Protein backbone atom coordinates (compact mmCIF):
# COMPACT_ATOMS: atom_id res chain seq x y z
CA MET A 1 -161.72 -45.96 71.77
CA ALA A 2 -160.40 -42.59 73.07
CA ARG A 3 -161.52 -39.57 71.13
CA LYS A 4 -158.81 -37.36 69.66
CA ARG A 5 -158.92 -33.98 71.27
CA SER A 6 -158.82 -30.90 69.02
CA PRO A 7 -156.01 -28.47 69.89
CA ARG A 8 -157.09 -25.56 72.00
CA LYS A 9 -157.23 -22.15 70.30
CA THR A 10 -155.02 -19.59 71.94
CA THR A 11 -155.24 -15.86 71.64
CA ALA A 12 -152.37 -13.50 71.30
CA ALA A 13 -152.93 -12.25 74.86
CA SER A 14 -152.65 -15.73 76.32
CA GLU A 15 -149.65 -16.82 74.35
CA PRO A 16 -146.47 -17.04 76.44
CA THR A 17 -143.50 -14.91 75.69
CA VAL A 18 -141.33 -16.87 73.33
CA ALA A 19 -137.61 -16.71 73.79
CA PRO A 20 -135.50 -16.34 70.72
CA ARG A 21 -135.10 -19.74 69.10
CA ARG A 22 -131.67 -21.16 69.13
CA ALA A 23 -130.41 -23.22 66.26
CA GLY A 24 -130.75 -26.94 66.76
CA ARG A 25 -133.11 -26.69 69.72
CA GLY A 26 -136.28 -28.01 67.94
CA ALA A 27 -139.83 -26.66 67.53
CA GLN A 28 -141.47 -23.80 69.34
CA PRO A 29 -143.48 -24.54 72.56
CA GLY A 30 -146.89 -24.22 70.81
CA GLN A 31 -145.93 -26.73 68.15
CA ALA A 32 -144.51 -29.12 70.75
CA SER A 33 -147.79 -29.05 72.69
CA GLN A 34 -149.81 -29.95 69.62
CA ALA A 35 -147.40 -32.78 68.73
CA SER A 36 -147.61 -34.13 72.29
CA GLN A 37 -151.43 -34.17 72.21
CA ALA A 38 -151.45 -35.92 68.83
CA SER A 39 -148.96 -38.50 70.12
CA GLN A 40 -151.07 -39.19 73.22
CA ALA A 41 -154.23 -39.59 71.16
CA SER A 42 -152.46 -41.97 68.80
CA GLN A 43 -151.15 -44.07 71.69
CA ALA A 44 -154.61 -44.20 73.26
CA SER A 45 -156.12 -45.31 69.95
CA GLN A 46 -153.52 -48.04 69.51
CA ALA A 47 -154.02 -49.25 73.10
CA SER A 48 -157.78 -49.41 72.58
CA GLN A 49 -157.41 -51.39 69.35
CA ALA A 50 -154.96 -53.78 71.02
CA SER A 51 -157.39 -54.30 73.92
CA GLN A 52 -160.26 -55.07 71.53
CA SER A 53 -158.05 -57.46 69.62
CA ARG A 54 -157.21 -59.35 72.81
CA LYS A 55 -160.89 -59.59 73.81
CA LYS A 56 -162.03 -60.86 70.43
CA LYS A 57 -161.74 -64.67 70.36
CA PRO A 58 -161.34 -66.64 67.15
CA GLN A 59 -164.65 -67.94 65.79
CA GLN A 60 -165.19 -71.61 66.71
CA PRO A 61 -167.26 -74.09 64.66
CA LEU A 62 -170.90 -74.48 65.68
CA ILE A 63 -172.53 -77.68 66.94
CA THR A 64 -175.85 -78.09 65.17
CA VAL A 65 -178.66 -80.53 66.00
CA ARG A 66 -181.30 -81.93 63.66
CA HIS A 67 -183.60 -84.91 63.29
CA MET A 68 -182.10 -87.94 61.62
CA ALA A 69 -183.28 -88.68 58.05
CA ARG A 70 -183.40 -91.95 56.15
CA ARG A 71 -180.36 -90.94 54.12
CA ASP A 72 -178.36 -90.77 57.39
CA ILE A 73 -178.83 -94.41 58.40
CA ASN A 74 -175.57 -95.73 56.94
CA ARG A 75 -173.51 -92.81 58.28
CA VAL A 76 -175.00 -93.06 61.76
CA TRP A 77 -174.51 -96.83 61.88
CA ASP A 78 -170.81 -96.41 61.04
CA PHE A 79 -170.58 -93.65 63.65
CA LEU A 80 -172.09 -95.88 66.35
CA LYS A 81 -169.64 -98.68 65.61
CA ILE A 82 -166.73 -96.27 66.11
CA SER A 83 -168.21 -94.71 69.25
CA PHE A 84 -168.97 -97.99 71.04
CA ARG A 85 -166.09 -100.12 69.76
CA GLU A 86 -164.02 -99.86 72.92
CA VAL A 87 -166.94 -100.28 75.31
CA ASN A 88 -168.46 -103.23 73.46
CA ALA A 89 -165.19 -105.13 73.73
CA GLU A 90 -165.57 -105.19 77.52
CA THR A 91 -169.33 -105.49 78.17
CA VAL A 92 -171.87 -108.32 78.28
CA GLU A 93 -174.52 -106.36 76.37
CA TYR A 94 -173.88 -104.42 73.20
CA GLN A 95 -174.21 -100.73 73.96
CA ARG A 96 -175.85 -100.07 70.57
CA PRO A 97 -178.47 -101.86 68.41
CA ARG A 98 -177.61 -105.50 67.86
CA SER A 99 -177.63 -105.26 64.09
CA LYS A 100 -178.02 -102.79 61.28
CA LEU A 101 -181.36 -104.40 60.42
CA ARG A 102 -182.63 -103.65 63.93
CA PHE A 103 -181.33 -100.08 63.63
CA GLU A 104 -183.30 -99.64 60.42
CA GLU A 105 -186.41 -101.02 62.17
CA VAL A 106 -185.98 -98.47 64.97
CA TYR A 107 -186.08 -95.68 62.40
CA GLU A 108 -189.49 -96.89 61.22
CA GLU A 109 -190.99 -97.08 64.72
CA GLU A 110 -193.29 -94.33 65.94
CA GLY A 111 -192.55 -92.36 69.10
CA ILE A 112 -188.75 -92.48 68.81
CA GLU A 113 -186.63 -89.36 68.43
CA GLN A 114 -183.27 -89.78 66.66
CA LEU A 115 -181.10 -86.67 66.83
CA LEU A 116 -177.85 -85.93 65.01
CA PHE A 117 -175.28 -83.46 66.30
CA GLU A 118 -172.87 -82.23 63.65
CA VAL A 119 -169.87 -79.94 63.32
CA GLU A 120 -169.23 -78.71 59.80
CA GLY A 121 -171.20 -81.65 58.38
CA ASP A 122 -169.45 -84.36 60.42
CA ILE A 123 -171.41 -86.39 62.99
CA VAL A 124 -170.00 -85.77 66.48
CA ALA A 125 -172.86 -87.18 68.57
CA TYR A 126 -176.11 -89.14 68.35
CA ALA A 127 -179.06 -89.39 70.72
CA GLU A 128 -182.06 -91.69 70.58
CA CYS A 129 -184.95 -91.37 72.99
CA SER A 130 -188.62 -92.29 73.41
CA TYR A 131 -191.49 -90.86 75.39
CA GLU A 132 -192.92 -94.20 76.53
CA VAL A 133 -191.94 -97.83 76.79
CA ILE A 134 -192.14 -99.24 73.28
CA GLY A 135 -190.56 -102.01 71.25
CA SER A 136 -190.88 -105.78 71.42
CA ASP A 137 -187.39 -106.21 72.90
CA ASN A 138 -187.83 -103.75 75.76
CA TRP A 139 -187.39 -105.02 79.32
CA ILE A 140 -188.44 -101.85 81.15
CA ASN A 141 -191.27 -102.14 83.67
CA PRO A 142 -193.55 -99.06 83.32
CA ARG A 143 -195.20 -99.64 86.71
CA TYR A 144 -191.90 -98.97 88.46
CA PHE A 145 -192.09 -95.34 87.34
CA GLU A 146 -195.83 -94.97 87.81
CA LYS A 147 -195.57 -95.88 91.51
CA ARG A 148 -192.92 -93.20 92.01
CA ASP A 149 -194.70 -90.45 90.04
CA MET A 150 -191.89 -90.46 87.50
CA ARG A 151 -192.61 -89.40 83.93
CA PRO A 152 -189.42 -90.34 82.13
CA LEU A 153 -187.88 -89.53 78.80
CA PHE A 154 -186.18 -92.84 78.00
CA VAL A 155 -182.72 -92.27 76.53
CA ASP A 156 -182.01 -95.39 74.48
CA GLU A 157 -178.72 -94.23 72.97
CA LEU A 158 -176.27 -91.43 73.70
CA ALA A 159 -173.01 -91.57 71.79
CA VAL A 160 -170.21 -89.03 71.41
CA HIS A 161 -167.34 -89.45 68.95
CA PRO A 162 -164.15 -90.45 70.84
CA GLU A 163 -162.25 -87.50 69.37
CA MET A 164 -164.85 -85.10 70.81
CA HIS A 165 -164.62 -86.20 74.44
CA GLY A 166 -163.96 -83.30 76.79
CA ARG A 167 -165.11 -80.59 74.37
CA GLY A 168 -168.61 -80.00 75.68
CA VAL A 169 -170.39 -82.08 73.04
CA GLY A 170 -171.90 -84.50 75.56
CA SER A 171 -173.10 -81.62 77.73
CA PHE A 172 -174.84 -80.06 74.73
CA VAL A 173 -176.53 -83.40 73.93
CA LEU A 174 -177.71 -83.72 77.53
CA GLU A 175 -179.01 -80.15 77.49
CA GLN A 176 -181.02 -80.95 74.36
CA LEU A 177 -182.52 -84.03 76.04
CA HIS A 178 -183.46 -82.00 79.12
CA HIS A 179 -185.13 -79.51 76.80
CA LEU A 180 -187.14 -82.26 75.08
CA ALA A 181 -188.27 -83.59 78.46
CA ARG A 182 -189.45 -80.17 79.64
CA VAL A 183 -191.29 -79.46 76.39
CA HIS A 184 -193.22 -82.75 76.70
CA GLY A 185 -193.96 -82.40 80.43
CA LEU A 186 -191.57 -85.19 81.50
CA ASN A 187 -189.71 -84.94 84.80
CA HIS A 188 -186.89 -87.50 84.50
CA LEU A 189 -184.25 -88.73 82.09
CA VAL A 190 -183.79 -92.49 82.32
CA LEU A 191 -180.98 -94.38 80.63
CA GLU A 192 -178.93 -97.56 80.93
CA VAL A 193 -175.17 -97.63 81.23
CA ALA A 194 -172.82 -100.59 81.56
CA GLU A 195 -171.64 -101.19 85.13
CA ASN A 196 -168.01 -101.42 84.05
CA ASN A 197 -168.14 -98.33 81.86
CA GLU A 198 -166.57 -96.28 84.64
CA ARG A 199 -165.95 -93.19 82.55
CA ALA A 200 -169.61 -92.95 81.56
CA LEU A 201 -170.80 -93.69 85.11
CA ASP A 202 -168.66 -90.89 86.56
CA TRP A 203 -169.83 -88.50 83.85
CA TYR A 204 -173.52 -89.17 84.58
CA LYS A 205 -173.10 -89.05 88.37
CA LYS A 206 -171.53 -85.59 88.10
CA ARG A 207 -174.71 -84.52 86.31
CA SER A 208 -177.07 -85.69 89.08
CA PHE A 209 -177.93 -89.14 87.67
CA LYS A 210 -178.60 -91.77 90.33
CA LYS A 211 -178.83 -95.55 90.19
CA LEU A 212 -182.46 -96.72 90.24
CA ASP A 213 -182.01 -100.30 91.43
CA ALA A 214 -179.40 -102.99 91.94
CA ALA A 215 -180.09 -104.98 88.79
CA ILE A 216 -176.73 -105.94 87.32
CA PHE A 217 -175.37 -108.98 85.51
CA MET A 218 -173.87 -111.54 87.90
CA ALA A 219 -171.92 -114.76 87.33
CA CYS A 220 -170.18 -117.48 89.30
CA ALA A 221 -167.47 -119.84 88.12
CA VAL A 222 -168.27 -123.52 87.51
CA VAL A 223 -165.62 -126.24 87.35
CA THR A 224 -166.13 -127.71 83.91
CA GLU A 225 -166.15 -131.38 82.98
CA PRO A 226 -166.49 -133.05 79.59
CA GLU A 227 -170.00 -134.15 78.70
CA LEU A 228 -168.82 -137.67 77.76
CA LEU A 229 -166.66 -139.88 79.94
CA PRO A 230 -163.09 -140.56 78.75
CA PRO A 231 -162.20 -143.87 77.05
CA ARG A 232 -161.97 -146.88 79.35
CA GLU A 233 -159.86 -150.01 78.97
CA LEU A 234 -161.87 -153.09 77.98
CA PRO A 235 -161.30 -156.07 80.35
CA PRO A 236 -160.18 -159.35 78.73
CA ALA A 237 -162.78 -161.90 77.70
CA ARG A 238 -163.75 -164.60 80.23
CA GLU A 239 -164.46 -168.27 79.54
CA ALA A 240 -167.45 -168.40 81.89
CA PRO A 241 -169.23 -165.67 83.77
CA PRO A 242 -168.64 -165.55 87.53
CA PRO A 243 -171.46 -166.91 89.75
CA ASP A 244 -172.52 -163.51 90.97
CA GLU A 245 -172.89 -162.01 87.47
CA PRO A 246 -175.90 -163.14 85.39
CA ASN A 247 -175.47 -164.18 81.80
CA GLU A 248 -177.10 -161.49 79.69
CA SER A 249 -178.05 -164.03 77.00
CA GLU A 250 -180.23 -166.03 79.43
CA PRO A 251 -183.08 -164.85 81.62
CA SER A 252 -182.12 -164.66 85.26
CA GLY A 253 -185.36 -166.38 86.39
CA GLU A 254 -187.17 -165.80 89.60
């Protein structure tokens, strides 16, 4: 903000010779100079305020992260159903826990981090991760990572509300997971994503994720047939069996 200059003091010796003032011609030269300086200072002040106003952006809501609590189970379960509804309609495996009961069991298990990301009290993202292979329904082979000197943070779930796509929420979640890995001395993030979830695959690839192996679900078509043969017409009864067909009521003999 420009400082307003104080008018210079002039002495009688330095004052210019003033011509007689004519009616209707305005103020004297000394007064005009002071008015001009005041006008310039005012304009500079207004310009500075306008510049600061343009630079100041409106305050945006904050994304906060916290650990999930027991009271959040129902809200998070409903959130996951909304987040994965579209993907689950097109994938072989559910991209979330199979049931609410299983989700409640996960909350009770040790070694699992469940993080909630909220904006003004509303859930906008959820992340679930573990520091080692745990759980009775886990198919991960720990020796795969041991042979490659990989110490992974296993990301079991990462969900962003559909209305929050493209607003940096997912990047903030991923940054939090990277932070957790560094704090615990882990050097990789490992997660599973559906092969046909192209949007998620592109998103992860842009963030330096690479495919670990070629394990994907495969299928081939089989021409189906009914298990039981169709009805068949019964031949008419015969008076005597033909010579080459034994009578089932008598032993054939040898």
